[in-house]
Amino acid sequence: MWDVSSALLDLASRVMDDSPRFYRLLRLSDALRAESRLLEKDAGGILRGAAPLRRWKGDPADASLCAPPMGGLRGVWRWLWEWQCREGRLRPRSARERAVAETGARERRRIAEAAQAGAGK
């Protein structure tokens, strides 16, 4: 998300004027940076260049690690929304987003259980 945000800032600097597109790029870039900071805080650091996990048939739905093409800002907003649903910060609107949110909740429960088991030793 941080890399996508930086690319959007570069794009905004090329169209720097008072157009609505310029402000849309800035708002999306700011939202991506804020989410990136929250994810970094949760994970304890940024993993640069990490390859997306392999998906198998029957895997639970999850937010993609790869950003959609930046030509369509709506797709980038949707991608950000899915990540925020996954992390429990937004309420899901669709069946896919509910599945993404449940995957994130399941992962957080697993981490909490492992932390409790480690603290009990």
PDB file of N, CA and C in Angstrom:
ATOM      1  N   MET A   1       0.816  -1.185   0.000  1.00  0.00           N
ATOM      2  CA  MET A   1       0.000   0.000   0.000  1.00  0.00           C
ATOM      3  C   MET A   1       0.863   1.253   0.000  1.00  0.00           C
ATOM      4  N   TRP A   2       1.965   1.186   0.719  1.00  0.00           N
ATOM      5  CA  TRP A   2       2.853   2.345   0.767  1.00  0.00           C
ATOM      6  C   TRP A   2       3.385   2.651  -0.628  1.00  0.00           C
ATOM      7  N   ASP A   3       3.778   1.622  -1.374  1.00  0.00           N
ATOM      8  CA  ASP A   3       4.295   1.824  -2.732  1.00  0.00           C
ATOM      9  C   ASP A   3       3.229   2.393  -3.656  1.00  0.00           C
ATOM     10  N   VAL A   4       2.003   1.888  -3.541  1.00  0.00           N
ATOM     11  CA  VAL A   4       0.905   2.406  -4.370  1.00  0.00           C
ATOM     12  C   VAL A   4       0.640   3.860  -4.020  1.00  0.00           C
ATOM     13  N   SER A   5       0.676   4.179  -2.734  1.00  0.00           N
ATOM     14  CA  SER A   5       0.477   5.555  -2.302  1.00  0.00           C
ATOM     15  C   SER A   5       1.540   6.480  -2.886  1.00  0.00           C
ATOM     16  N   SER A   6       2.797   6.026  -2.882  1.00  0.00           N
ATOM     17  CA  SER A   6       3.880   6.832  -3.452  1.00  0.00           C
ATOM     18  C   SER A   6       3.686   7.035  -4.948  1.00  0.00           C
ATOM     19  N   ALA A   7       3.247   5.985  -5.638  1.00  0.00           N
ATOM     20  CA  ALA A   7       2.998   6.104  -7.075  1.00  0.00           C
ATOM     21  C   ALA A   7       1.858   7.085  -7.350  1.00  0.00           C
ATOM     22  N   LEU A   8       0.831   7.074  -6.506  1.00  0.00           N
ATOM     23  CA  LEU A   8      -0.272   8.022  -6.674  1.00  0.00           C
ATOM     24  C   LEU A   8       0.189   9.450  -6.418  1.00  0.00           C
ATOM     25  N   LEU A   9       1.079   9.651  -5.450  1.00  0.00           N
ATOM     26  CA  LEU A   9       1.613  10.994  -5.214  1.00  0.00           C
ATOM     27  C   LEU A   9       2.420  11.482  -6.409  1.00  0.00           C
ATOM     28  N   ASP A  10       3.194  10.579  -7.015  1.00  0.00           N
ATOM     29  CA  ASP A  10       3.937  10.947  -8.230  1.00  0.00           C
ATOM     30  C   ASP A  10       2.983  11.350  -9.341  1.00  0.00           C
ATOM     31  N   LEU A  11       1.922  10.575  -9.499  1.00  0.00           N
ATOM     32  CA  LEU A  11       0.919  10.883 -10.515  1.00  0.00           C
ATOM     33  C   LEU A  11       0.250  12.226 -10.223  1.00  0.00           C
ATOM     34  N   ALA A  12      -0.058  12.475  -8.951  1.00  0.00           N
ATOM     35  CA  ALA A  12      -0.687  13.751  -8.578  1.00  0.00           C
ATOM     36  C   ALA A  12       0.247  14.924  -8.855  1.00  0.00           C
ATOM     37  N   SER A  13       1.553  14.723  -8.640  1.00  0.00           N
ATOM     38  CA  SER A  13       2.492  15.828  -8.886  1.00  0.00           C
ATOM     39  C   SER A  13       2.568  16.175 -10.370  1.00  0.00           C
ATOM     40  N   ARG A  14       2.258  15.203 -11.227  1.00  0.00           N
ATOM     41  CA  ARG A  14       2.275  15.486 -12.667  1.00  0.00           C
ATOM     42  C   ARG A  14       1.050  16.269 -13.113  1.00  0.00           C
ATOM     43  N   VAL A  15      -0.057  16.133 -12.386  1.00  0.00           N
ATOM     44  CA  VAL A  15      -1.289  16.845 -12.770  1.00  0.00           C
ATOM     45  C   VAL A  15      -1.619  17.930 -11.752  1.00  0.00           C
ATOM     46  N   MET A  16      -0.583  18.490 -11.118  1.00  0.00           N
ATOM     47  CA  MET A  16      -0.777  19.438 -10.032  1.00  0.00           C
ATOM     48  C   MET A  16      -1.532  20.676 -10.507  1.00  0.00           C
ATOM     49  N   ASP A  17      -2.766  20.741 -10.137  1.00  0.00           N
ATOM     50  CA  ASP A  17      -3.619  21.895 -10.417  1.00  0.00           C
ATOM     51  C   ASP A  17      -4.826  21.800  -9.485  1.00  0.00           C
ATOM     52  N   ASP A  18      -5.825  22.599  -9.726  1.00  0.00           N
ATOM     53  CA  ASP A  18      -7.002  22.572  -8.862  1.00  0.00           C
ATOM     54  C   ASP A  18      -8.090  21.658  -9.399  1.00  0.00           C
ATOM     55  N   SER A  19      -7.737  20.701 -10.217  1.00  0.00           N
ATOM     56  CA  SER A  19      -8.751  19.814 -10.784  1.00  0.00           C
ATOM     57  C   SER A  19      -9.230  18.804  -9.744  1.00  0.00           C
ATOM     58  N   PRO A  20     -10.448  18.312  -9.889  1.00  0.00           N
ATOM     59  CA  PRO A  20     -10.952  17.285  -8.968  1.00  0.00           C
ATOM     60  C   PRO A  20     -10.089  16.019  -8.982  1.00  0.00           C
ATOM     61  N   ARG A  21      -9.506  15.690 -10.137  1.00  0.00           N
ATOM     62  CA  ARG A  21      -8.667  14.485 -10.225  1.00  0.00           C
ATOM     63  C   ARG A  21      -7.467  14.594  -9.291  1.00  0.00           C
ATOM     64  N   PHE A  22      -6.858  15.764  -9.226  1.00  0.00           N
ATOM     65  CA  PHE A  22      -5.710  15.990  -8.347  1.00  0.00           C
ATOM     66  C   PHE A  22      -6.085  15.713  -6.892  1.00  0.00           C
ATOM     67  N   TYR A  23      -7.230  16.233  -6.456  1.00  0.00           N
ATOM     68  CA  TYR A  23      -7.657  16.042  -5.072  1.00  0.00           C
ATOM     69  C   TYR A  23      -8.081  14.601  -4.799  1.00  0.00           C
ATOM     70  N   ARG A  24      -8.663  13.931  -5.798  1.00  0.00           N
ATOM     71  CA  ARG A  24      -8.997  12.509  -5.630  1.00  0.00           C
ATOM     72  C   ARG A  24      -7.735  11.683  -5.438  1.00  0.00           C
ATOM     73  N   LEU A  25      -6.689  11.983  -6.213  1.00  0.00           N
ATOM     74  CA  LEU A  25      -5.425  11.271  -6.071  1.00  0.00           C
ATOM     75  C   LEU A  25      -4.816  11.496  -4.688  1.00  0.00           C
ATOM     76  N   LEU A  26      -4.867  12.734  -4.204  1.00  0.00           N
ATOM     77  CA  LEU A  26      -4.311  13.030  -2.884  1.00  0.00           C
ATOM     78  C   LEU A  26      -5.086  12.327  -1.774  1.00  0.00           C
ATOM     79  N   ARG A  27      -6.436  12.332  -1.868  1.00  0.00           N
ATOM     80  CA  ARG A  27      -7.246  11.672  -0.832  1.00  0.00           C
ATOM     81  C   ARG A  27      -6.969  10.175  -0.793  1.00  0.00           C
ATOM     82  N   LEU A  28      -6.908   9.548  -1.962  1.00  0.00           N
ATOM     83  CA  LEU A  28      -6.645   8.111  -2.023  1.00  0.00           C
ATOM     84  C   LEU A  28      -5.239   7.803  -1.512  1.00  0.00           C
ATOM     85  N   SER A  29      -4.263   8.617  -1.890  1.00  0.00           N
ATOM     86  CA  SER A  29      -2.894   8.416  -1.415  1.00  0.00           C
ATOM     87  C   SER A  29      -2.830   8.523   0.110  1.00  0.00           C
ATOM     88  N   ASP A  30      -3.499   9.527   0.677  1.00  0.00           N
ATOM     89  CA  ASP A  30      -3.511   9.686   2.137  1.00  0.00           C
ATOM     90  C   ASP A  30      -4.174   8.492   2.819  1.00  0.00           C
ATOM     91  N   ALA A  31      -5.277   8.008   2.256  1.00  0.00           N
ATOM     92  CA  ALA A  31      -5.975   6.862   2.850  1.00  0.00           C
ATOM     93  C   ALA A  31      -5.096   5.610   2.800  1.00  0.00           C
ATOM     94  N   LEU A  32      -4.391   5.407   1.690  1.00  0.00           N
ATOM     95  CA  LEU A  32      -3.501   4.249   1.580  1.00  0.00           C
ATOM     96  C   LEU A  32      -2.339   4.341   2.562  1.00  0.00           C
ATOM     97  N   ARG A  33      -1.778   5.528   2.720  1.00  0.00           N
ATOM     98  CA  ARG A  33      -0.671   5.695   3.674  1.00  0.00           C
ATOM     99  C   ARG A  33      -1.134   5.441   5.103  1.00  0.00           C
ATOM    100  N   ALA A  34      -2.321   5.926   5.440  1.00  0.00           N
ATOM    101  CA  ALA A  34      -2.846   5.710   6.797  1.00  0.00           C
ATOM    102  C   ALA A  34      -3.062   4.219   7.058  1.00  0.00           C
ATOM    103  N   GLU A  35      -3.656   3.530   6.101  1.00  0.00           N
ATOM    104  CA  GLU A  35      -3.873   2.084   6.271  1.00  0.00           C
ATOM    105  C   GLU A  35      -2.545   1.349   6.320  1.00  0.00           C
ATOM    106  N   SER A  36      -1.589   1.769   5.506  1.00  0.00           N
ATOM    107  CA  SER A  36      -0.277   1.138   5.503  1.00  0.00           C
ATOM    108  C   SER A  36       0.401   1.284   6.870  1.00  0.00           C
ATOM    109  N   ARG A  37       0.268   2.465   7.480  1.00  0.00           N
ATOM    110  CA  ARG A  37       0.856   2.673   8.806  1.00  0.00           C
ATOM    111  C   ARG A  37       0.209   1.754   9.844  1.00  0.00           C
ATOM    112  N   LEU A  38      -1.127   1.593   9.764  1.00  0.00           N
ATOM    113  CA  LEU A  38      -1.818   0.710  10.708  1.00  0.00           C
ATOM    114  C   LEU A  38      -1.389  -0.740  10.521  1.00  0.00           C
ATOM    115  N   LEU A  39      -1.281  -1.173   9.267  1.00  0.00           N
ATOM    116  CA  LEU A  39      -0.853  -2.548   9.004  1.00  0.00           C
ATOM    117  C   LEU A  39       0.584  -2.762   9.462  1.00  0.00           C
ATOM    118  N   GLU A  40       1.440  -1.760   9.237  1.00  0.00           N
ATOM    119  CA  GLU A  40       2.834  -1.862   9.674  1.00  0.00           C
ATOM    120  C   GLU A  40       2.903  -1.986  11.192  1.00  0.00           C
ATOM    121  N   LYS A  41       2.086  -1.195  11.879  1.00  0.00           N
ATOM    122  CA  LYS A  41       2.064  -1.246  13.337  1.00  0.00           C
ATOM    123  C   LYS A  41       1.605  -2.623  13.817  1.00  0.00           C
ATOM    124  N   ASP A  42       0.568  -3.180  13.176  1.00  0.00           N
ATOM    125  CA  ASP A  42       0.077  -4.507  13.554  1.00  0.00           C
ATOM    126  C   ASP A  42       1.119  -5.589  13.291  1.00  0.00           C
ATOM    127  N   ALA A  43       1.824  -5.467  12.162  1.00  0.00           N
ATOM    128  CA  ALA A  43       2.780  -6.509  11.771  1.00  0.00           C
ATOM    129  C   ALA A  43       4.159  -6.308  12.394  1.00  0.00           C
ATOM    130  N   GLY A  44       4.444  -5.111  12.848  1.00  0.00           N
ATOM    131  CA  GLY A  44       5.745  -4.852  13.446  1.00  0.00           C
ATOM    132  C   GLY A  44       6.804  -4.445  12.436  1.00  0.00           C
ATOM    133  N   GLY A  45       6.420  -4.156  11.203  1.00  0.00           N
ATOM    134  CA  GLY A  45       7.377  -3.707  10.192  1.00  0.00           C
ATOM    135  C   GLY A  45       6.835  -3.936   8.802  1.00  0.00           C
ATOM    136  N   ILE A  46       7.434  -3.295   7.830  1.00  0.00           N
ATOM    137  CA  ILE A  46       6.994  -3.436   6.440  1.00  0.00           C
ATOM    138  C   ILE A  46       7.828  -4.519   5.769  1.00  0.00           C
ATOM    139  N   LEU A  47       7.163  -5.428   5.111  1.00  0.00           N
ATOM    140  CA  LEU A  47       7.843  -6.473   4.343  1.00  0.00           C
ATOM    141  C   LEU A  47       7.842  -6.041   2.886  1.00  0.00           C
ATOM    142  N   ARG A  48       8.950  -5.563   2.409  1.00  0.00           N
ATOM    143  CA  ARG A  48       9.036  -5.104   1.022  1.00  0.00           C
ATOM    144  C   ARG A  48       9.364  -6.274   0.111  1.00  0.00           C
ATOM    145  N   GLY A  49       8.702  -6.313  -1.016  1.00  0.00           N
ATOM    146  CA  GLY A  49       8.994  -7.328  -2.022  1.00  0.00           C
ATOM    147  C   GLY A  49       8.513  -8.718  -1.666  1.00  0.00           C
ATOM    148  N   ALA A  50       7.608  -8.831  -0.685  1.00  0.00           N
ATOM    149  CA  ALA A  50       7.095 -10.154  -0.329  1.00  0.00           C
ATOM    150  C   ALA A  50       6.183 -10.649  -1.442  1.00  0.00           C
ATOM    151  N   ALA A  51       6.323 -11.894  -1.814  1.00  0.00           N
ATOM    152  CA  ALA A  51       5.489 -12.478  -2.866  1.00  0.00           C
ATOM    153  C   ALA A  51       4.113 -12.799  -2.304  1.00  0.00           C
ATOM    154  N   PRO A  52       3.054 -12.603  -3.091  1.00  0.00           N
ATOM    155  CA  PRO A  52       1.712 -12.966  -2.627  1.00  0.00           C
ATOM    156  C   PRO A  52       1.646 -14.464  -2.326  1.00  0.00           C
ATOM    157  N   LEU A  53       0.852 -14.806  -1.324  1.00  0.00           N
ATOM    158  CA  LEU A  53       0.673 -16.210  -0.988  1.00  0.00           C
ATOM    159  C   LEU A  53      -0.037 -16.937  -2.117  1.00  0.00           C
ATOM    160  N   ARG A  54       0.312 -18.190  -2.325  1.00  0.00           N
ATOM    161  CA  ARG A  54      -0.363 -18.987  -3.360  1.00  0.00           C
ATOM    162  C   ARG A  54      -1.776 -19.284  -2.913  1.00  0.00           C
ATOM    163  N   ARG A  55      -2.701 -19.195  -3.831  1.00  0.00           N
ATOM    164  CA  ARG A  55      -4.105 -19.475  -3.531  1.00  0.00           C
ATOM    165  C   ARG A  55      -4.466 -20.851  -4.060  1.00  0.00           C
ATOM    166  N   TRP A  56      -5.265 -21.561  -3.316  1.00  0.00           N
ATOM    167  CA  TRP A  56      -5.735 -22.879  -3.706  1.00  0.00           C
ATOM    168  C   TRP A  56      -7.248 -22.867  -3.748  1.00  0.00           C
ATOM    169  N   LYS A  57      -7.818 -23.736  -4.558  1.00  0.00           N
ATOM    170  CA  LYS A  57      -9.273 -23.833  -4.628  1.00  0.00           C
ATOM    171  C   LYS A  57      -9.800 -24.198  -3.238  1.00  0.00           C
ATOM    172  N   GLY A  58     -10.782 -23.478  -2.776  1.00  0.00           N
ATOM    173  CA  GLY A  58     -11.343 -23.730  -1.460  1.00  0.00           C
ATOM    174  C   GLY A  58     -10.735 -22.880  -0.357  1.00  0.00           C
ATOM    175  N   ASP A  59      -9.655 -22.120  -0.661  1.00  0.00           N
ATOM    176  CA  ASP A  59      -9.108 -21.213   0.345  1.00  0.00           C
ATOM    177  C   ASP A  59     -10.157 -20.161   0.690  1.00  0.00           C
ATOM    178  N   PRO A  60     -10.154 -19.687   1.932  1.00  0.00           N
ATOM    179  CA  PRO A  60     -11.097 -18.607   2.258  1.00  0.00           C
ATOM    180  C   PRO A  60     -10.734 -17.344   1.483  1.00  0.00           C
ATOM    181  N   ALA A  61     -11.735 -16.536   1.253  1.00  0.00           N
ATOM    182  CA  ALA A  61     -11.495 -15.287   0.524  1.00  0.00           C
ATOM    183  C   ALA A  61     -10.567 -14.395   1.331  1.00  0.00           C
ATOM    184  N   ASP A  62      -9.703 -13.696   0.653  1.00  0.00           N
ATOM    185  CA  ASP A  62      -8.791 -12.781   1.328  1.00  0.00           C
ATOM    186  C   ASP A  62      -8.538 -11.590   0.408  1.00  0.00           C
ATOM    187  N   ALA A  63      -8.159 -10.472   1.009  1.00  0.00           N
ATOM    188  CA  ALA A  63      -7.822  -9.297   0.209  1.00  0.00           C
ATOM    189  C   ALA A  63      -6.518  -9.568  -0.523  1.00  0.00           C
ATOM    190  N   SER A  64      -6.451  -9.141  -1.763  1.00  0.00           N
ATOM    191  CA  SER A  64      -5.261  -9.376  -2.575  1.00  0.00           C
ATOM    192  C   SER A  64      -4.074  -8.595  -2.035  1.00  0.00           C
ATOM    193  N   LEU A  65      -2.900  -9.207  -2.089  1.00  0.00           N
ATOM    194  CA  LEU A  65      -1.689  -8.489  -1.706  1.00  0.00           C
ATOM    195  C   LEU A  65      -1.217  -7.558  -2.812  1.00  0.00           C
ATOM    196  N   CYS A  66      -1.694  -7.784  -4.029  1.00  0.00           N
ATOM    197  CA  CYS A  66      -1.284  -6.965  -5.179  1.00  0.00           C
ATOM    198  C   CYS A  66      -2.359  -5.929  -5.481  1.00  0.00           C
ATOM    199  N   ALA A  67      -1.942  -4.703  -5.636  1.00  0.00           N
ATOM    200  CA  ALA A  67      -2.888  -3.627  -5.940  1.00  0.00           C
ATOM    201  C   ALA A  67      -3.414  -3.760  -7.359  1.00  0.00           C
ATOM    202  N   PRO A  68      -4.648  -3.333  -7.591  1.00  0.00           N
ATOM    203  CA  PRO A  68      -5.165  -3.311  -8.960  1.00  0.00           C
ATOM    204  C   PRO A  68      -4.480  -2.214  -9.763  1.00  0.00           C
ATOM    205  N   PRO A  69      -4.657  -2.215 -11.092  1.00  0.00           N
ATOM    206  CA  PRO A  69      -4.044  -1.150 -11.898  1.00  0.00           C
ATOM    207  C   PRO A  69      -4.531   0.221 -11.443  1.00  0.00           C
ATOM    208  N   MET A  70      -3.619   1.184 -11.412  1.00  0.00           N
ATOM    209  CA  MET A  70      -3.978   2.503 -10.908  1.00  0.00           C
ATOM    210  C   MET A  70      -4.727   3.352 -11.922  1.00  0.00           C
ATOM    211  N   GLY A  71      -5.005   2.801 -13.095  1.00  0.00           N
ATOM    212  CA  GLY A  71      -5.785   3.543 -14.075  1.00  0.00           C
ATOM    213  C   GLY A  71      -7.209   3.766 -13.598  1.00  0.00           C
ATOM    214  N   GLY A  72      -7.740   2.802 -12.838  1.00  0.00           N
ATOM    215  CA  GLY A  72      -9.089   2.939 -12.298  1.00  0.00           C
ATOM    216  C   GLY A  72      -9.019   3.145 -10.795  1.00  0.00           C
ATOM    217  N   LEU A  73      -9.185   4.376 -10.358  1.00  0.00           N
ATOM    218  CA  LEU A  73      -9.070   4.665  -8.931  1.00  0.00           C
ATOM    219  C   LEU A  73     -10.160   3.975  -8.133  1.00  0.00           C
ATOM    220  N   ARG A  74     -11.292   3.709  -8.740  1.00  0.00           N
ATOM    221  CA  ARG A  74     -12.371   3.018  -8.040  1.00  0.00           C
ATOM    222  C   ARG A  74     -11.917   1.631  -7.590  1.00  0.00           C
ATOM    223  N   GLY A  75     -11.153   0.944  -8.440  1.00  0.00           N
ATOM    224  CA  GLY A  75     -10.637  -0.377  -8.085  1.00  0.00           C
ATOM    225  C   GLY A  75      -9.657  -0.304  -6.928  1.00  0.00           C
ATOM    226  N   VAL A  76      -8.851   0.754  -6.890  1.00  0.00           N
ATOM    227  CA  VAL A  76      -7.895   0.920  -5.792  1.00  0.00           C
ATOM    228  C   VAL A  76      -8.644   1.210  -4.490  1.00  0.00           C
ATOM    229  N   TRP A  77      -9.694   2.046  -4.547  1.00  0.00           N
ATOM    230  CA  TRP A  77     -10.512   2.301  -3.355  1.00  0.00           C
ATOM    231  C   TRP A  77     -11.142   1.004  -2.858  1.00  0.00           C
ATOM    232  N   ARG A  78     -11.656   0.174  -3.782  1.00  0.00           N
ATOM    233  CA  ARG A  78     -12.295  -1.096  -3.412  1.00  0.00           C
ATOM    234  C   ARG A  78     -11.275  -2.014  -2.739  1.00  0.00           C
ATOM    235  N   TRP A  79     -10.054  -2.036  -3.288  1.00  0.00           N
ATOM    236  CA  TRP A  79      -8.976  -2.840  -2.713  1.00  0.00           C
ATOM    237  C   TRP A  79      -8.675  -2.371  -1.291  1.00  0.00           C
ATOM    238  N   LEU A  80      -8.567  -1.073  -1.075  1.00  0.00           N
ATOM    239  CA  LEU A  80      -8.327  -0.514   0.250  1.00  0.00           C
ATOM    240  C   LEU A  80      -9.473  -0.875   1.194  1.00  0.00           C
ATOM    241  N   TRP A  81     -10.709  -0.772   0.716  1.00  0.00           N
ATOM    242  CA  TRP A  81     -11.891  -1.093   1.530  1.00  0.00           C
ATOM    243  C   TRP A  81     -11.832  -2.553   1.975  1.00  0.00           C
ATOM    244  N   GLU A  82     -11.465  -3.476   1.071  1.00  0.00           N
ATOM    245  CA  GLU A  82     -11.374  -4.895   1.428  1.00  0.00           C
ATOM    246  C   GLU A  82     -10.333  -5.104   2.530  1.00  0.00           C
ATOM    247  N   TRP A  83      -9.195  -4.418   2.424  1.00  0.00           N
ATOM    248  CA  TRP A  83      -8.180  -4.552   3.469  1.00  0.00           C
ATOM    249  C   TRP A  83      -8.702  -4.038   4.796  1.00  0.00           C
ATOM    250  N   GLN A  84      -9.442  -2.935   4.756  1.00  0.00           N
ATOM    251  CA  GLN A  84      -9.974  -2.382   5.997  1.00  0.00           C
ATOM    252  C   GLN A  84     -11.044  -3.301   6.584  1.00  0.00           C
ATOM    253  N   CYS A  85     -11.840  -3.944   5.745  1.00  0.00           N
ATOM    254  CA  CYS A  85     -12.807  -4.946   6.215  1.00  0.00           C
ATOM    255  C   CYS A  85     -12.063  -6.123   6.833  1.00  0.00           C
ATOM    256  N   ARG A  86     -10.994  -6.553   6.166  1.00  0.00           N
ATOM    257  CA  ARG A  86     -10.218  -7.695   6.649  1.00  0.00           C
ATOM    258  C   ARG A  86      -9.651  -7.434   8.043  1.00  0.00           C
ATOM    259  N   GLU A  87      -9.215  -6.205   8.266  1.00  0.00           N
ATOM    260  CA  GLU A  87      -8.611  -5.863   9.552  1.00  0.00           C
ATOM    261  C   GLU A  87      -9.653  -5.472  10.597  1.00  0.00           C
ATOM    262  N   GLY A  88     -10.931  -5.508  10.248  1.00  0.00           N
ATOM    263  CA  GLY A  88     -11.997  -5.231  11.211  1.00  0.00           C
ATOM    264  C   GLY A  88     -12.248  -3.759  11.453  1.00  0.00           C
ATOM    265  N   ARG A  89     -11.781  -2.895  10.549  1.00  0.00           N
ATOM    266  CA  ARG A  89     -11.974  -1.457  10.725  1.00  0.00           C
ATOM    267  C   ARG A  89     -13.227  -0.936  10.030  1.00  0.00           C
ATOM    268  N   LEU A  90     -13.736  -1.659   9.055  1.00  0.00           N
ATOM    269  CA  LEU A  90     -14.953  -1.247   8.353  1.00  0.00           C
ATOM    270  C   LEU A  90     -15.934  -2.404   8.303  1.00  0.00           C
ATOM    271  N   ARG A  91     -17.209  -2.074   8.220  1.00  0.00           N
ATOM    272  CA  ARG A  91     -18.237  -3.114   8.131  1.00  0.00           C
ATOM    273  C   ARG A  91     -18.391  -3.546   6.679  1.00  0.00           C
ATOM    274  N   PRO A  92     -18.340  -4.849   6.429  1.00  0.00           N
ATOM    275  CA  PRO A  92     -18.450  -5.341   5.046  1.00  0.00           C
ATOM    276  C   PRO A  92     -19.817  -5.040   4.449  1.00  0.00           C
ATOM    277  N   ARG A  93     -19.826  -4.797   3.120  1.00  0.00           N
ATOM    278  CA  ARG A  93     -21.067  -4.476   2.416  1.00  0.00           C
ATOM    279  C   ARG A  93     -21.551  -5.620   1.552  1.00  0.00           C
ATOM    280  N   SER A  94     -20.669  -6.471   1.088  1.00  0.00           N
ATOM    281  CA  SER A  94     -21.049  -7.539   0.160  1.00  0.00           C
ATOM    282  C   SER A  94     -20.668  -8.897   0.736  1.00  0.00           C
ATOM    283  N   ALA A  95     -21.103  -9.956   0.061  1.00  0.00           N
ATOM    284  CA  ALA A  95     -20.771 -11.312   0.503  1.00  0.00           C
ATOM    285  C   ALA A  95     -19.259 -11.527   0.460  1.00  0.00           C
ATOM    286  N   ARG A  96     -18.602 -11.032  -0.581  1.00  0.00           N
ATOM    287  CA  ARG A  96     -17.152 -11.181  -0.662  1.00  0.00           C
ATOM    288  C   ARG A  96     -16.466 -10.457   0.489  1.00  0.00           C
ATOM    289  N   GLU A  97     -16.912  -9.248   0.787  1.00  0.00           N
ATOM    290  CA  GLU A  97     -16.303  -8.497   1.883  1.00  0.00           C
ATOM    291  C   GLU A  97     -16.553  -9.170   3.225  1.00  0.00           C
ATOM    292  N   ARG A  98     -17.736  -9.805   3.409  1.00  0.00           N
ATOM    293  CA  ARG A  98     -17.987 -10.553   4.644  1.00  0.00           C
ATOM    294  C   ARG A  98     -17.032 -11.740   4.759  1.00  0.00           C
ATOM    295  N   ALA A  99     -16.775 -12.418   3.632  1.00  0.00           N
ATOM    296  CA  ALA A  99     -15.842 -13.545   3.634  1.00  0.00           C
ATOM    297  C   ALA A  99     -14.422 -13.070   3.943  1.00  0.00           C
ATOM    298  N   VAL A 100     -14.036 -11.930   3.370  1.00  0.00           N
ATOM    299  CA  VAL A 100     -12.713 -11.353   3.638  1.00  0.00           C
ATOM    300  C   VAL A 100     -12.601 -10.984   5.117  1.00  0.00           C
ATOM    301  N   ALA A 101     -13.659 -10.371   5.666  1.00  0.00           N
ATOM    302  CA  ALA A 101     -13.646  -9.970   7.080  1.00  0.00           C
ATOM    303  C   ALA A 101     -13.550 -11.195   7.983  1.00  0.00           C
ATOM    304  N   GLU A 102     -14.263 -12.260   7.650  1.00  0.00           N
ATOM    305  CA  GLU A 102     -14.213 -13.478   8.465  1.00  0.00           C
ATOM    306  C   GLU A 102     -12.828 -14.117   8.415  1.00  0.00           C
ATOM    307  N   THR A 103     -12.182 -14.083   7.254  1.00  0.00           N
ATOM    308  CA  THR A 103     -10.813 -14.604   7.156  1.00  0.00           C
ATOM    309  C   THR A 103      -9.881 -13.832   8.077  1.00  0.00           C
ATOM    310  N   GLY A 104      -9.996 -12.501   8.067  1.00  0.00           N
ATOM    311  CA  GLY A 104      -9.165 -11.685   8.952  1.00  0.00           C
ATOM    312  C   GLY A 104      -9.459 -11.948  10.416  1.00  0.00           C
ATOM    313  N   ALA A 105     -10.748 -12.094  10.768  1.00  0.00           N
ATOM    314  CA  ALA A 105     -11.115 -12.365  12.157  1.00  0.00           C
ATOM    315  C   ALA A 105     -10.573 -13.725  12.597  1.00  0.00           C
ATOM    316  N   ARG A 106     -10.641 -14.702  11.713  1.00  0.00           N
ATOM    317  CA  ARG A 106     -10.118 -16.041  12.025  1.00  0.00           C
ATOM    318  C   ARG A 106      -8.607 -15.978  12.276  1.00  0.00           C
ATOM    319  N   GLU A 107      -7.919 -15.197  11.447  1.00  0.00           N
ATOM    320  CA  GLU A 107      -6.466 -15.063  11.618  1.00  0.00           C
ATOM    321  C   GLU A 107      -6.131 -14.358  12.938  1.00  0.00           C
ATOM    322  N   ARG A 108      -6.874 -13.311  13.281  1.00  0.00           N
ATOM    323  CA  ARG A 108      -6.622 -12.604  14.540  1.00  0.00           C
ATOM    324  C   ARG A 108      -6.898 -13.506  15.739  1.00  0.00           C
ATOM    325  N   ARG A 109      -7.947 -14.347  15.654  1.00  0.00           N
ATOM    326  CA  ARG A 109      -8.228 -15.290  16.744  1.00  0.00           C
ATOM    327  C   ARG A 109      -7.082 -16.285  16.904  1.00  0.00           C
ATOM    328  N   ARG A 110      -6.579 -16.790  15.784  1.00  0.00           N
ATOM    329  CA  ARG A 110      -5.481 -17.752  15.814  1.00  0.00           C
ATOM    330  C   ARG A 110      -4.233 -17.128  16.462  1.00  0.00           C
ATOM    331  N   ILE A 111      -3.947 -15.886  16.119  1.00  0.00           N
ATOM    332  CA  ILE A 111      -2.782 -15.196  16.696  1.00  0.00           C
ATOM    333  C   ILE A 111      -2.982 -14.975  18.191  1.00  0.00           C
ATOM    334  N   ALA A 112      -4.206 -14.575  18.602  1.00  0.00           N
ATOM    335  CA  ALA A 112      -4.485 -14.355  20.016  1.00  0.00           C
ATOM    336  C   ALA A 112      -4.377 -15.659  20.811  1.00  0.00           C
ATOM    337  N   GLU A 113      -4.861 -16.764  20.246  1.00  0.00           N
ATOM    338  CA  GLU A 113      -4.775 -18.055  20.924  1.00  0.00           C
ATOM    339  C   GLU A 113      -3.317 -18.487  21.070  1.00  0.00           C
ATOM    340  N   ALA A 114      -2.522 -18.262  20.030  1.00  0.00           N
ATOM    341  CA  ALA A 114      -1.096 -18.615  20.101  1.00  0.00           C
ATOM    342  C   ALA A 114      -0.379 -17.765  21.135  1.00  0.00           C
ATOM    343  N   ALA A 115      -0.750 -16.484  21.239  1.00  0.00           N
ATOM    344  CA  ALA A 115      -0.134 -15.602  22.231  1.00  0.00           C
ATOM    345  C   ALA A 115      -0.525 -16.027  23.650  1.00  0.00           C
ATOM    346  N   GLN A 116      -1.784 -16.441  23.831  1.00  0.00           N
ATOM    347  CA  GLN A 116      -2.218 -16.908  25.153  1.00  0.00           C
ATOM    348  C   GLN A 116      -1.519 -18.203  25.539  1.00  0.00           C
ATOM    349  N   ALA A 117      -1.363 -19.095  24.556  1.00  0.00           N
ATOM    350  CA  ALA A 117      -0.680 -20.362  24.822  1.00  0.00           C
ATOM    351  C   ALA A 117       0.787 -20.108  25.168  1.00  0.00           C
ATOM    352  N   GLY A 118       1.387 -19.142  24.495  1.00  0.00           N
ATOM    353  CA  GLY A 118       2.785 -18.791  24.787  1.00  0.00           C
ATOM    354  C   GLY A 118       2.929 -18.128  26.135  1.00  0.00           C
ATOM    355  N   ALA A 119       1.936 -17.340  26.550  1.00  0.00           N
ATOM    356  CA  ALA A 119       2.006 -16.657  27.834  1.00  0.00           C
ATOM    357  C   ALA A 119       1.734 -17.622  28.989  1.00  0.00           C
ATOM    358  N   GLY A 120       0.995 -18.698  28.699  1.00  0.00           N
ATOM    359  CA  GLY A 120       0.670 -19.667  29.738  1.00  0.00           C
ATOM    360  C   GLY A 120       1.821 -20.583  30.074  1.00  0.00           C
ATOM    361  N   LYS A 121       2.870 -20.615  29.261  1.00  0.00           N
ATOM    362  CA  LYS A 121       4.004 -21.524  29.510  1.00  0.00           C
ATOM    363  C   LYS A 121       4.949 -20.972  30.529  1.00  0.00           C
TER     364      LYS A 121
END
